[in-house]
Protein backbone atom coordinates (compact mmCIF):
# COMPACT_ATOMS: atom_id res chain seq x y z
CA UNK A 1 -46.18 -47.16 86.86
CA UNK A 2 -48.83 -47.93 84.19
CA UNK A 3 -49.27 -51.46 82.74
CA UNK A 4 -48.41 -52.04 79.22
CA UNK A 5 -51.51 -53.77 77.72
CA UNK A 6 -51.88 -54.38 74.02
CA UNK A 7 -51.89 -51.97 71.04
CA UNK A 8 -51.64 -48.39 71.85
CA UNK A 9 -50.67 -48.99 75.55
CA UNK A 10 -48.38 -46.60 77.20
CA UNK A 11 -45.94 -46.21 80.18
CA UNK A 12 -46.78 -43.53 82.68
CA UNK A 13 -44.15 -40.98 83.22
CA UNK A 14 -44.18 -38.95 86.47
CA UNK A 15 -42.16 -35.96 87.30
CA UNK A 16 -39.92 -35.36 84.29
CA UNK A 17 -40.96 -32.51 86.21
CA UNK A 18 -25.62 -20.85 92.93
CA UNK A 19 -23.63 -21.65 96.01
CA UNK A 20 -21.17 -23.21 93.67
CA UNK A 21 -18.75 -20.60 92.40
CA UNK A 22 -18.51 -20.66 88.65
CA UNK A 23 -15.03 -21.29 87.13
CA UNK A 24 -14.03 -21.00 83.46
CA UNK A 25 -12.76 -24.39 82.23
CA UNK A 26 -12.67 -24.13 78.50
CA UNK A 27 -10.22 -26.92 77.79
CA UNK A 28 -7.76 -24.85 75.81
CA UNK A 29 -5.67 -27.90 74.88
CA UNK A 30 -8.64 -29.62 73.24
CA UNK A 31 -9.49 -26.33 71.39
CA UNK A 32 -5.93 -25.99 70.34
CA UNK A 33 -5.81 -29.59 68.89
CA UNK A 34 -9.00 -28.95 67.06
CA UNK A 35 -7.76 -25.81 65.55
CA UNK A 36 -4.55 -27.45 64.57
CA UNK A 37 -6.44 -30.33 62.94
CA UNK A 38 -8.62 -27.84 61.05
CA UNK A 39 -5.59 -25.93 59.85
CA UNK A 40 -3.95 -29.18 58.64
CA UNK A 41 -7.09 -30.09 56.79
CA UNK A 42 -7.30 -26.56 55.23
CA UNK A 43 -3.75 -26.76 54.07
CA UNK A 44 -4.26 -30.26 52.54
CA UNK A 45 -7.39 -29.19 50.72
CA UNK A 46 -5.49 -26.10 49.24
CA UNK A 47 -2.52 -28.08 47.94
CA UNK A 48 -1.74 -28.19 44.28
CA UNK A 49 -2.72 -31.91 44.15
CA UNK A 50 -6.44 -31.45 43.79
CA UNK A 51 -8.24 -33.93 41.72
CA UNK A 52 -10.50 -32.13 39.17
CA UNK A 53 -12.94 -35.15 39.18
CA UNK A 54 -13.11 -34.86 43.06
CA UNK A 55 -13.71 -31.19 42.79
CA UNK A 56 -16.44 -31.63 40.29
CA UNK A 57 -18.07 -34.34 42.44
CA UNK A 58 -17.83 -32.19 45.55
CA UNK A 59 -19.47 -29.30 43.64
CA UNK A 60 -22.28 -31.58 42.42
CA UNK A 61 -22.85 -32.91 45.94
CA UNK A 62 -23.06 -29.28 47.20
CA UNK A 63 -25.45 -28.22 44.51
CA UNK A 64 -27.56 -31.28 45.32
CA UNK A 65 -27.60 -30.47 49.08
CA UNK A 66 -28.40 -26.82 48.29
CA UNK A 67 -31.32 -27.91 46.11
CA UNK A 68 -32.58 -30.32 48.71
CA UNK A 69 -32.38 -27.60 51.36
CA UNK A 70 -34.70 -25.42 49.34
CA UNK A 71 -37.33 -28.06 49.64
CA UNK A 72 -37.27 -27.88 53.45
CA UNK A 73 -39.44 -25.26 55.13
CA UNK A 74 -38.36 -23.62 58.35
CA UNK A 75 -40.27 -21.08 60.30
CA UNK A 76 -38.89 -17.64 60.58
CA UNK A 77 -40.45 -15.38 63.23
CA UNK A 78 -43.74 -17.22 62.72
CA UNK A 79 -44.71 -20.59 61.61
CA UNK A 80 -46.18 -21.05 58.18
CA UNK A 81 -49.69 -22.55 58.24
CA UNK A 82 -50.86 -24.93 55.65
CA UNK A 83 -54.12 -23.97 53.67
CA UNK A 84 -55.76 -27.00 55.20
CA UNK A 85 -54.86 -30.10 57.26
CA UNK A 86 -55.89 -32.08 54.24
CA UNK A 87 -53.07 -30.47 52.16
CA UNK A 88 -50.61 -32.03 54.59
CA UNK A 89 -52.30 -35.39 54.43
CA UNK A 90 -54.45 -35.27 57.54
CA UNK A 91 -58.06 -36.19 58.08
CA UNK A 92 -59.48 -33.02 59.68
CA UNK A 93 -62.25 -35.09 61.48
CA UNK A 94 -59.65 -37.25 63.13
CA UNK A 95 -57.53 -34.30 64.12
CA UNK A 96 -60.63 -32.65 65.63
CA UNK A 97 -61.39 -35.91 67.67
CA UNK A 98 -57.80 -35.97 68.95
CA UNK A 99 -58.11 -32.23 69.97
CA UNK A 100 -61.26 -32.90 71.64
CA UNK A 101 -59.61 -35.55 73.78
CA UNK A 102 -56.79 -32.98 74.55
CA UNK A 103 -59.26 -30.40 75.61
CA UNK A 104 -60.97 -32.93 77.89
CA UNK A 105 -57.76 -33.67 79.47
CA UNK A 106 -57.28 -30.03 80.68
CA UNK A 107 -54.77 -29.11 77.89
CA UNK A 108 -53.73 -25.63 77.37
CA UNK A 109 -52.64 -26.18 73.74
CA UNK A 110 -52.19 -28.77 71.04
CA UNK A 111 -50.07 -28.14 67.93
CA UNK A 112 -49.53 -30.36 64.96
CA UNK A 113 -46.85 -29.50 62.37
CA UNK A 114 -45.77 -31.55 59.24
CA UNK A 115 -43.03 -30.73 56.83
CA UNK A 116 -42.48 -27.38 58.44
CA UNK A 117 -45.95 -26.08 58.38
CA UNK A 118 -48.80 -25.95 61.03
CA UNK A 119 -51.45 -28.36 60.23
CA UNK A 120 -53.62 -27.64 63.27
CA UNK A 121 -53.42 -25.65 66.56
CA UNK A 122 -55.80 -25.45 69.43
CA UNK A 123 -55.70 -23.31 72.55
CA UNK A 124 -57.81 -23.31 75.65
CA UNK A 125 -58.02 -21.91 79.18
CA UNK A 126 -57.35 -18.35 77.99
CA UNK A 127 -53.94 -19.36 76.43
CA UNK A 128 -52.61 -18.37 73.01
CA UNK A 129 -49.45 -18.93 70.99
CA UNK A 130 -47.30 -16.86 73.25
CA UNK A 131 -48.50 -18.34 76.53
CA UNK A 132 -45.50 -20.03 78.29
CA UNK A 133 -45.56 -22.49 81.11
CA UNK A 134 -43.48 -24.89 83.16
CA UNK A 135 -42.88 -27.89 81.01
CA UNK A 136 -41.15 -29.97 83.79
CA UNK A 137 -38.90 -32.86 82.45
CA UNK A 138 -39.13 -31.66 78.86
CA UNK A 139 -36.36 -29.53 80.25
CA UNK A 140 -34.18 -32.72 80.36
CA UNK A 141 -34.15 -32.97 76.53
CA UNK A 142 -33.06 -29.40 76.34
CA UNK A 143 -30.19 -29.99 78.88
CA UNK A 144 -29.00 -32.97 76.79
CA UNK A 145 -28.91 -30.82 73.74
CA UNK A 146 -26.73 -28.25 75.64
CA UNK A 147 -24.37 -30.99 76.52
CA UNK A 148 -24.39 -31.90 72.75
CA UNK A 149 -23.61 -28.45 71.66
CA UNK A 150 -20.73 -28.15 74.31
CA UNK A 151 -19.43 -31.43 73.08
CA UNK A 152 -19.48 -30.20 69.42
CA UNK A 153 -17.57 -27.08 70.60
CA UNK A 154 -14.89 -29.18 72.29
CA UNK A 155 -15.60 -27.71 75.64
CA UNK A 156 -16.40 -31.14 76.97
CA UNK A 157 -16.57 -34.78 75.72
CA UNK A 158 -19.50 -36.97 76.54
CA UNK A 159 -17.04 -39.56 77.72
CA UNK A 160 -15.25 -37.37 80.13
CA UNK A 161 -15.54 -38.19 83.74
CA UNK A 162 -18.01 -35.62 85.35
CA UNK A 163 -15.52 -35.46 88.36
CA UNK A 164 -13.30 -33.28 85.89
CA UNK A 165 -15.96 -30.63 86.36
CA UNK A 166 -17.53 -31.55 89.70
CA UNK A 167 -14.56 -31.22 92.21
CA UNK A 168 -16.62 -32.84 95.06
CA UNK A 169 -16.72 -36.04 93.27
CA UNK A 170 -12.92 -36.49 92.74
CA UNK A 171 -11.55 -39.43 94.77
CA UNK A 172 -15.04 -40.62 95.74
CA UNK A 173 -17.20 -43.48 94.54
CA UNK A 174 -18.56 -41.05 91.92
CA UNK A 175 -15.21 -40.25 90.44
CA UNK A 176 -15.81 -42.55 87.40
CA UNK A 177 -19.35 -41.43 86.54
CA UNK A 178 -19.07 -40.09 83.02
CA UNK A 179 -21.21 -37.29 81.46
CA UNK A 180 -22.56 -40.12 79.22
CA UNK A 181 -23.88 -41.89 82.37
CA UNK A 182 -25.64 -38.73 83.41
CA UNK A 183 -27.40 -38.21 80.20
CA UNK A 184 -28.19 -41.93 79.87
CA UNK A 185 -29.61 -42.15 83.41
CA UNK A 186 -27.41 -45.11 84.30
CA UNK A 187 -25.07 -43.09 86.65
CA UNK A 188 -25.68 -45.10 89.71
CA UNK A 189 -26.02 -41.84 91.70
CA UNK A 190 -28.15 -41.94 94.82
CA UNK A 191 -31.90 -42.17 94.04
CA UNK A 192 -35.17 -42.18 96.05
CA UNK A 193 -38.59 -40.86 95.19
CA UNK A 194 -38.43 -38.82 98.41
CA UNK A 195 -35.13 -37.15 97.21
CA UNK A 196 -36.21 -36.52 93.69
CA UNK A 197 -39.75 -35.44 94.16
CA UNK A 198 -39.77 -34.23 97.81
CA UNK A 199 -36.39 -32.63 98.64
CA UNK A 200 -34.77 -31.57 95.36
CA UNK A 201 -37.45 -29.29 93.98
CA UNK A 202 -37.56 -27.15 97.16
CA UNK A 203 -33.78 -26.74 97.62
CA UNK A 204 -32.53 -23.14 97.51
CA UNK A 205 -29.29 -24.40 96.11
CA UNK A 206 -30.06 -27.42 93.86
CA UNK A 207 -26.53 -27.85 92.64
CA UNK A 208 -24.90 -28.18 96.05
CA UNK A 209 -27.71 -30.58 97.13
CA UNK A 210 -27.43 -32.79 94.02
CA UNK A 211 -23.70 -32.97 93.86
CA UNK A 212 -23.46 -33.75 97.58
CA UNK A 213 -25.66 -36.92 97.38
CA UNK A 214 -23.91 -40.36 97.36
CA UNK A 215 -23.43 -43.29 94.99
CA UNK A 216 -25.83 -46.15 95.22
CA UNK A 217 -24.38 -48.40 92.44
CA UNK A 218 -21.44 -48.40 90.09
CA UNK A 219 -22.05 -46.48 86.91
CA UNK A 220 -23.66 -48.35 84.01
CA UNK A 221 -25.32 -51.08 86.16
CA UNK A 222 -28.72 -49.73 86.94
CA UNK A 223 -31.09 -47.44 84.99
CA UNK A 224 -32.97 -44.98 87.09
CA UNK A 225 -34.99 -41.84 86.29
CA UNK A 226 -32.73 -39.61 88.41
CA UNK A 227 -33.62 -35.90 88.67
CA UNK A 228 -30.91 -35.11 91.07
CA UNK A 229 -28.19 -36.69 88.91
CA UNK A 230 -29.34 -34.70 85.92
CA UNK A 231 -29.23 -31.49 88.00
CA UNK A 232 -25.53 -32.08 88.41
CA UNK A 233 -25.25 -31.41 84.62
CA UNK A 234 -25.75 -27.63 85.44
CA UNK A 235 -22.31 -27.77 87.15
CA UNK A 236 -20.78 -29.67 84.35
CA UNK A 237 -22.14 -27.31 81.71
CA UNK A 238 -21.13 -24.18 83.64
CA UNK A 239 -17.62 -25.25 84.23
CA UNK A 240 -17.17 -26.53 80.77
CA UNK A 241 -18.47 -23.58 78.89
CA UNK A 242 -17.68 -20.77 81.34
CA UNK A 243 -21.23 -19.58 81.14
CA UNK A 244 -24.36 -19.88 83.27
CA UNK A 245 -26.42 -22.78 81.76
CA UNK A 246 -29.42 -20.61 81.04
CA UNK A 247 -27.38 -17.90 79.20
CA UNK A 248 -25.62 -20.71 77.13
CA UNK A 249 -29.13 -22.10 76.41
CA UNK A 250 -30.45 -18.74 75.24
CA UNK A 251 -27.34 -17.93 73.14
CA UNK A 252 -26.79 -21.31 71.51
CA UNK A 253 -30.19 -23.01 71.23
CA UNK A 254 -33.28 -21.00 72.08
CA UNK A 255 -32.41 -17.76 70.23
CA UNK A 256 -31.01 -19.46 67.06
CA UNK A 257 -34.09 -21.33 66.34
CA UNK A 258 -36.63 -18.57 67.32
CA UNK A 259 -37.83 -19.97 70.74
CA UNK A 260 -38.66 -16.40 71.65
CA UNK A 261 -41.07 -17.15 74.43
CA UNK A 262 -38.91 -19.71 76.27
CA UNK A 263 -36.38 -19.65 79.01
CA UNK A 264 -34.55 -21.91 81.35
CA UNK A 265 -35.18 -20.82 85.01
CA UNK A 266 -33.01 -20.74 88.06
CA UNK A 267 -33.16 -21.69 91.83
CA UNK A 268 -32.90 -19.28 94.59
CA UNK A 269 -29.07 -19.30 94.48
CA UNK A 270 -28.99 -18.57 90.68
CA UNK A 271 -28.42 -22.09 89.52
CA UNK A 272 -30.01 -23.25 86.22
CA UNK A 273 -32.55 -25.90 86.79
CA UNK A 274 -31.64 -28.76 84.47
CA UNK A 275 -34.01 -31.60 85.30
CA UNK A 276 -37.16 -29.27 85.17
CA UNK A 277 -37.75 -25.62 85.01
CA UNK A 278 -38.10 -24.70 81.27
CA UNK A 279 -40.74 -22.27 80.61
CA UNK A 280 -42.17 -22.64 76.98
CA UNK A 281 -45.01 -22.63 74.49
CA UNK A 282 -46.51 -25.16 72.07
CA UNK A 283 -45.09 -23.28 69.15
CA UNK A 284 -41.57 -22.99 70.57
CA UNK A 285 -41.40 -26.67 71.52
CA UNK A 286 -42.46 -27.48 68.00
CA UNK A 287 -39.39 -25.67 66.87
CA UNK A 288 -37.25 -27.70 69.22
CA UNK A 289 -38.77 -30.94 67.91
CA UNK A 290 -38.36 -29.77 64.33
CA UNK A 291 -34.74 -29.06 65.03
CA UNK A 292 -34.20 -32.73 65.85
CA UNK A 293 -36.37 -33.92 63.00
CA UNK A 294 -33.91 -31.95 60.71
CA UNK A 295 -30.87 -33.53 62.27
CA UNK A 296 -29.80 -30.56 64.34
CA UNK A 297 -29.60 -28.09 61.37
CA UNK A 298 -31.88 -25.00 61.19
CA UNK A 299 -32.36 -23.46 57.97
CA UNK A 300 -28.84 -24.23 56.81
CA UNK A 301 -27.03 -23.59 60.00
CA UNK A 302 -25.73 -26.42 62.31
CA UNK A 303 -27.27 -25.75 65.83
CA UNK A 304 -26.58 -29.25 67.22
CA UNK A 305 -24.04 -31.72 65.78
CA UNK A 306 -25.88 -34.31 63.72
CA UNK A 307 -23.99 -37.08 65.31
CA UNK A 308 -25.25 -35.91 68.70
CA UNK A 309 -28.85 -35.97 67.39
CA UNK A 310 -28.24 -39.56 66.12
CA UNK A 311 -26.93 -40.66 69.54
CA UNK A 312 -29.67 -38.85 71.53
CA UNK A 313 -32.71 -40.12 69.62
CA UNK A 314 -31.47 -42.68 67.15
CA UNK A 315 -30.96 -45.73 69.48
CA UNK A 316 -30.98 -46.47 73.06
CA UNK A 317 -27.98 -44.96 74.97
CA UNK A 318 -27.56 -48.11 77.11
CA UNK A 319 -28.82 -51.70 77.36
CA UNK A 320 -30.87 -51.35 80.33
CA UNK A 321 -33.89 -49.38 78.98
CA UNK A 322 -34.73 -49.43 75.18
CA UNK A 323 -37.11 -46.53 75.67
CA UNK A 324 -34.27 -44.15 76.65
CA UNK A 325 -31.66 -42.16 74.67
CA UNK A 326 -29.80 -39.05 75.88
CA UNK A 327 -32.53 -37.60 78.03
CA UNK A 328 -35.10 -38.27 75.29
CA UNK A 329 -37.73 -41.13 75.44
CA UNK A 330 -37.70 -43.59 72.36
CA UNK A 331 -40.32 -45.87 70.91
CA UNK A 332 -37.69 -48.58 70.44
CA UNK A 333 -38.94 -52.18 71.22
CA UNK A 334 -37.02 -54.03 74.00
CA UNK A 335 -36.88 -53.85 77.80
CA UNK A 336 -38.76 -50.77 78.65
CA UNK A 337 -38.81 -48.96 82.02
CA UNK A 338 -40.82 -45.64 82.95
CA UNK A 339 -39.87 -42.85 85.25
CA UNK A 340 -41.03 -44.75 88.44
CA UNK A 341 -38.88 -47.80 87.71
CA UNK A 342 -35.28 -48.85 88.05
CA UNK A 343 -33.88 -51.75 86.09
CA UNK A 344 -31.07 -54.13 86.81
CA UNK A 345 -28.21 -55.19 84.51
CA UNK A 346 -29.13 -55.51 80.74
CA UNK A 347 -32.75 -54.87 81.34
CA UNK A 348 -33.01 -57.86 83.78
CA UNK A 349 -36.70 -58.72 84.58
CA UNK A 350 -37.95 -56.21 82.07
CA UNK A 351 -40.19 -57.89 79.41
CA UNK A 352 -39.95 -56.92 75.72
CA UNK A 353 -42.23 -54.04 75.13
CA UNK A 354 -42.56 -50.56 73.51
CA UNK A 355 -43.75 -47.21 74.76
CA UNK A 356 -46.54 -46.80 72.12
CA UNK A 357 -47.29 -50.13 70.41
CA UNK A 358 -48.33 -49.58 66.81
CA UNK A 359 -46.45 -46.28 66.48
CA UNK A 360 -43.26 -46.05 64.43
CA UNK A 361 -40.22 -47.55 66.04
CA UNK A 362 -38.15 -44.37 65.42
CA UNK A 363 -40.55 -42.03 66.92
CA UNK A 364 -39.22 -40.15 69.96
CA UNK A 365 -40.46 -37.90 72.70
CA UNK A 366 -39.50 -35.12 75.18
CA UNK A 367 -41.87 -35.64 78.17
CA UNK A 368 -42.71 -33.89 81.42
CA UNK A 369 -44.94 -34.20 84.50
CA UNK A 370 -48.66 -34.01 83.60
CA UNK A 371 -48.24 -35.27 80.11
CA UNK A 372 -46.23 -32.36 78.59
CA UNK A 373 -45.39 -33.92 75.28
CA UNK A 374 -43.11 -33.25 72.35
CA UNK A 375 -43.61 -36.10 69.98
CA UNK A 376 -41.47 -36.39 66.74
CA UNK A 377 -41.99 -38.90 63.86
CA UNK A 378 -39.12 -38.57 61.38
CA UNK A 379 -40.81 -40.84 58.85
CA UNK A 380 -43.72 -38.45 58.33
CA UNK A 381 -41.96 -35.35 59.28
CA UNK A 382 -44.54 -34.62 61.85
CA UNK A 383 -44.17 -32.92 65.34
CA UNK A 384 -46.96 -32.94 67.85
CA UNK A 385 -46.89 -30.91 71.04
CA UNK A 386 -49.35 -30.90 73.90
CA UNK A 387 -49.05 -28.71 77.07
CA UNK A 388 -51.44 -28.64 80.07
CA UNK A 389 -51.86 -28.75 83.80
CA UNK A 390 -50.44 -31.24 86.20
CA UNK A 391 -53.04 -33.87 85.45
CA UNK A 392 -56.44 -34.69 83.84
CA UNK A 393 -59.65 -33.96 85.70
CA UNK A 394 -61.14 -36.90 87.59
CA UNK A 395 -62.71 -39.40 85.11
CA UNK A 396 -61.25 -37.76 82.04
CA UNK A 397 -58.98 -39.68 79.54
CA UNK A 398 -55.38 -38.40 79.89
CA UNK A 399 -53.77 -37.12 76.85
CA UNK A 400 -50.70 -39.25 76.72
CA UNK A 401 -47.93 -40.50 74.26
CA UNK A 402 -50.45 -42.82 72.69
CA UNK A 403 -52.92 -39.98 72.00
CA UNK A 404 -50.07 -37.83 70.54
CA UNK A 405 -49.13 -40.86 68.35
CA UNK A 406 -52.64 -41.13 66.97
CA UNK A 407 -51.75 -38.03 64.90
CA UNK A 408 -49.53 -40.16 62.62
CA UNK A 409 -51.11 -43.59 63.14
CA UNK A 410 -54.73 -42.50 62.47
CA UNK A 411 -55.05 -38.89 61.39
CA UNK A 412 -52.39 -39.01 58.69
CA UNK A 413 -54.15 -40.60 55.87
CA UNK A 414 -52.10 -39.40 52.96
CA UNK A 415 -48.38 -39.61 53.84
CA UNK A 416 -47.42 -38.69 50.28
CA UNK A 417 -49.11 -35.28 50.52
CA UNK A 418 -46.53 -32.56 49.57
CA UNK A 419 -46.21 -29.08 51.07
CA UNK A 420 -48.42 -26.59 49.25
CA UNK A 421 -48.65 -22.75 49.40
CA UNK A 422 -48.80 -21.70 52.94
CA UNK A 423 -49.96 -18.56 54.77
CA UNK A 424 -47.84 -16.75 57.42
CA UNK A 425 -49.37 -16.38 60.90
CA UNK A 426 -50.98 -13.13 61.69
CA UNK A 427 -49.37 -13.45 65.20
């Protein structure tokens, strides 16, 4: 665990890194209720008591929303590239300095986008825009997003007890653990470094191993960065949606936003790895960050419910660690714990701190072992992605969250710069 010292200090984050028979559990009652409510609303809206003024107001709002959406750029098959970094408000010299730090830290790629355009991209070690790699715990933020999509579909509710989907937990000390606890990392499930970083990654059947662990504490009382607990979300998602999690991810998240070079991987038994295992690229992960920057909507289509995005990255998901949402890291000030720590009730013994002092409070991150980073700054509409090996060479300065934040705290010198004519990638 790294010390927090002064401006720009950071917390170090370590590994962020099918013997279970699938059953279809689609919650038909919940879907039926949702359909009935939708029908009732549709009937009400089509009654003869419509207020012309309200219709006019709604029409004006729709036109305004449509006009606003035309000002927002989304990548299609390729990202658009700004004519220069300066056109998007960046000091090229500072960006080059940040990129040099990334190169020295054994990075494979660094990508900076703003307002839907690439402002700068760098590739090293014989990689290019299509070079995919393991991104470790960045996977957790993908898993959280899949839970949010399933919640929006009505296949599950984040406040459901996970034991509704994990039969092995019924009638045990884990019976009251909710899905919310699992995505907040305050489930109280059994945790030890030897389990999470030694035993779990080598299991041929990760789901059976993870669900078979015990309960250390009652849910909601202790925050711990618990890989095994997060792996149990594979069972929850498979039972709730009736699909293998990796197939659900491709259909509902990766494909709709054009993450063509990304996939969730499986263990030897065919279980989807949900605490690590995503293979992805800098450009694809920039799409993922941009999806959350835009509130879960991609070019006019809702991919993730906006209220899930707000809950996942808009504020801490619990009182124990201000730096954590729904499997996303946050820059909110308060009691802060990193991946190597556990906290007691209400952040007991955790001093007031912040992941990256001096960076915007509403900045958020998907992070993985070896400083795999997706950094999102809503205020400046900036996404920074860095991917690399498991660690920096001896003596090199790591490229961490503070380095990524420099893109918006130092390199962005003209925040009012507006998008200008862009060029399409040549692939």
